[in-house]
C-alpha atoms as a PDB file:
ATOM      1  CA  UNK A   1       0.000   0.000   0.000  1.00  0.00           C
ATOM      2  CA  UNK A   2       2.825   2.378   0.842  1.00  0.00           C
ATOM      3  CA  UNK A   3       4.416   1.868  -2.578  1.00  0.00           C
ATOM      4  CA  UNK A   4       1.050   2.648  -4.209  1.00  0.00           C
ATOM      5  CA  UNK A   5       0.836   5.952  -2.288  1.00  0.00           C
ATOM      6  CA  UNK A   6      -2.114   4.852  -0.203  1.00  0.00           C
ATOM      7  CA  UNK A   7      -2.319   6.465   3.217  1.00  0.00           C
ATOM      8  CA  UNK A   8      -3.088   3.825   5.792  1.00  0.00           C
ATOM      9  CA  UNK A   9      -2.786   3.065   9.460  1.00  0.00           C
ATOM     10  CA  UNK A  10      -4.353   1.097  12.242  1.00  0.00           C
ATOM     11  CA  UNK A  11      -7.982   1.638  13.142  1.00  0.00           C
ATOM     12  CA  UNK A  12      -8.122   1.838  16.916  1.00  0.00           C
ATOM     13  CA  UNK A  13     -11.088   1.288  19.168  1.00  0.00           C
ATOM     14  CA  UNK A  14     -11.649   3.412  22.293  1.00  0.00           C
ATOM     15  CA  UNK A  15     -10.356   0.495  24.378  1.00  0.00           C
ATOM     16  CA  UNK A  16      -7.134   0.449  22.313  1.00  0.00           C
ATOM     17  CA  UNK A  17      -6.472   4.115  23.008  1.00  0.00           C
ATOM     18  CA  UNK A  18      -5.979   3.546  26.728  1.00  0.00           C
ATOM     19  CA  UNK A  19      -2.874   1.489  25.867  1.00  0.00           C
ATOM     20  CA  UNK A  20      -1.522   3.795  23.154  1.00  0.00           C
ATOM     21  CA  UNK A  21       2.053   4.696  24.171  1.00  0.00           C
ATOM     22  CA  UNK A  22       2.119   7.889  22.102  1.00  0.00           C
ATOM     23  CA  UNK A  23      -1.176   9.200  23.506  1.00  0.00           C
ATOM     24  CA  UNK A  24       0.102   8.573  27.038  1.00  0.00           C
ATOM     25  CA  UNK A  25       3.574  10.038  26.324  1.00  0.00           C
ATOM     26  CA  UNK A  26       2.192  13.362  25.072  1.00  0.00           C
ATOM     27  CA  UNK A  27      -0.424  13.364  27.858  1.00  0.00           C
ATOM     28  CA  UNK A  28      -3.325  13.321  25.403  1.00  0.00           C
ATOM     29  CA  UNK A  29      -4.813  10.840  27.864  1.00  0.00           C
ATOM     30  CA  UNK A  30      -4.359  11.187  31.599  1.00  0.00           C
ATOM     31  CA  UNK A  31      -5.934   9.591  34.658  1.00  0.00           C
ATOM     32  CA  UNK A  32      -8.424  11.466  36.801  1.00  0.00           C
ATOM     33  CA  UNK A  33      -6.827  12.494  40.096  1.00  0.00           C
ATOM     34  CA  UNK A  34      -6.842   9.546  42.496  1.00  0.00           C
ATOM     35  CA  UNK A  35      -8.094   6.984  39.948  1.00  0.00           C
ATOM     36  CA  UNK A  36      -6.934   4.866  37.014  1.00  0.00           C
ATOM     37  CA  UNK A  37      -9.850   6.098  34.857  1.00  0.00           C
ATOM     38  CA  UNK A  38      -8.563   8.012  31.815  1.00  0.00           C
ATOM     39  CA  UNK A  39      -9.848  11.184  30.222  1.00  0.00           C
ATOM     40  CA  UNK A  40      -8.801  13.299  27.265  1.00  0.00           C
ATOM     41  CA  UNK A  41      -6.560  16.204  28.239  1.00  0.00           C
ATOM     42  CA  UNK A  42      -6.679  19.667  26.708  1.00  0.00           C
ATOM     43  CA  UNK A  43      -4.545  19.876  23.577  1.00  0.00           C
ATOM     44  CA  UNK A  44      -3.257  23.315  24.595  1.00  0.00           C
ATOM     45  CA  UNK A  45       0.078  23.813  26.318  1.00  0.00           C
ATOM     46  CA  UNK A  46       1.123  27.119  27.884  1.00  0.00           C
ATOM     47  CA  UNK A  47       4.889  27.354  28.206  1.00  0.00           C
ATOM     48  CA  UNK A  48       5.984  27.595  31.831  1.00  0.00           C
ATOM     49  CA  UNK A  49       2.568  26.628  33.186  1.00  0.00           C
ATOM     50  CA  UNK A  50       1.814  23.027  34.131  1.00  0.00           C
ATOM     51  CA  UNK A  51      -1.533  21.589  33.137  1.00  0.00           C
ATOM     52  CA  UNK A  52      -4.086  21.053  35.874  1.00  0.00           C
ATOM     53  CA  UNK A  53      -4.653  17.358  36.474  1.00  0.00           C
ATOM     54  CA  UNK A  54      -8.211  16.222  35.717  1.00  0.00           C
ATOM     55  CA  UNK A  55     -10.508  15.695  38.700  1.00  0.00           C
ATOM     56  CA  UNK A  56     -13.823  13.932  38.990  1.00  0.00           C
ATOM     57  CA  UNK A  57     -16.884  16.145  39.316  1.00  0.00           C
ATOM     58  CA  UNK A  58     -18.322  16.770  42.764  1.00  0.00           C
ATOM     59  CA  UNK A  59     -21.126  14.509  43.937  1.00  0.00           C
ATOM     60  CA  UNK A  60     -24.677  15.737  43.303  1.00  0.00           C
ATOM     61  CA  UNK A  61     -25.602  18.130  46.085  1.00  0.00           C
ATOM     62  CA  UNK A  62     -22.047  18.514  47.368  1.00  0.00           C
ATOM     63  CA  UNK A  63     -22.271  22.316  47.225  1.00  0.00           C
ATOM     64  CA  UNK A  64     -25.991  22.827  47.809  1.00  0.00           C
ATOM     65  CA  UNK A  65     -25.611  24.220  51.335  1.00  0.00           C
ATOM     66  CA  UNK A  66     -22.926  26.712  50.263  1.00  0.00           C
ATOM     67  CA  UNK A  67     -24.929  27.891  47.252  1.00  0.00           C
ATOM     68  CA  UNK A  68     -28.115  28.292  49.276  1.00  0.00           C
ATOM     69  CA  UNK A  69     -26.247  30.103  52.056  1.00  0.00           C
ATOM     70  CA  UNK A  70     -24.748  32.516  49.507  1.00  0.00           C
ATOM     71  CA  UNK A  71     -28.290  33.094  48.204  1.00  0.00           C
ATOM     72  CA  UNK A  72     -29.314  34.162  51.718  1.00  0.00           C
ATOM     73  CA  UNK A  73     -30.962  31.036  53.119  1.00  0.00           C
ATOM     74  CA  UNK A  74     -30.277  30.343  56.795  1.00  0.00           C
ATOM     75  CA  UNK A  75     -28.828  27.014  58.006  1.00  0.00           C
ATOM     76  CA  UNK A  76     -32.118  25.882  59.605  1.00  0.00           C
ATOM     77  CA  UNK A  77     -34.028  26.350  56.336  1.00  0.00           C
ATOM     78  CA  UNK A  78     -31.291  24.577  54.369  1.00  0.00           C
ATOM     79  CA  UNK A  79     -31.447  21.662  56.849  1.00  0.00           C
ATOM     80  CA  UNK A  80     -35.233  21.557  56.395  1.00  0.00           C
ATOM     81  CA  UNK A  81     -34.865  21.430  52.603  1.00  0.00           C
ATOM     82  CA  UNK A  82     -32.319  18.647  52.964  1.00  0.00           C
ATOM     83  CA  UNK A  83     -34.628  16.745  55.326  1.00  0.00           C
ATOM     84  CA  UNK A  84     -37.454  17.003  52.820  1.00  0.00           C
ATOM     85  CA  UNK A  85     -35.202  15.676  50.066  1.00  0.00           C
ATOM     86  CA  UNK A  86     -35.436  18.914  48.081  1.00  0.00           C
ATOM     87  CA  UNK A  87     -31.630  19.236  47.976  1.00  0.00           C
ATOM     88  CA  UNK A  88     -28.905  16.656  48.359  1.00  0.00           C
END
């Protein structure tokens, strides 16, 4: 194929990519902080500034109390909402 001028290469599956040495070497794939689960990293590099490591998203409701408090709700009302299952 090469002699005929045909561009070719392997066709990888998503599962194959996790083991791709080049993708890992250039940090195109990196594990989430504290896990072995991979994610795609930003393709942008800023000289002199390290990339932030990927983190998993917060659990649902993890910041509800802080957000409600910033909106002016008092702790007793927030606890009531939590007790009623309105917020997590």
